[in-house]
Amino acid sequence: METEDRLLTPGEVASLFRVDPKTVTRWAAAGRIGSIRTPGGHRRFRESEVRALLEGDAGAAASFESGSNPQ
């Protein structure tokens, strides 16, 4: 059974990756990180997906920022 995943704000994700919140928003707009929109139009990120990116690819933030494909 699935448990409800916590949703993170761009600021929370940015602090985990040590980047600016605008960078996280650009990643989402480019499709590099999955996001959902609140009814008010704000982006939110699934904590499990963010943690998987952090744990699975330690260089993800650097490769995202440089524009290279992390695959």
Foldseek 3Di string as FASTA:
>chain_A
DDDDFDWAALVVLCVVLVHDSVLVVVCCVVVVFPWDADPVGGTIHGPVRSVCCCVVPVCSSVCSVVVHDPD
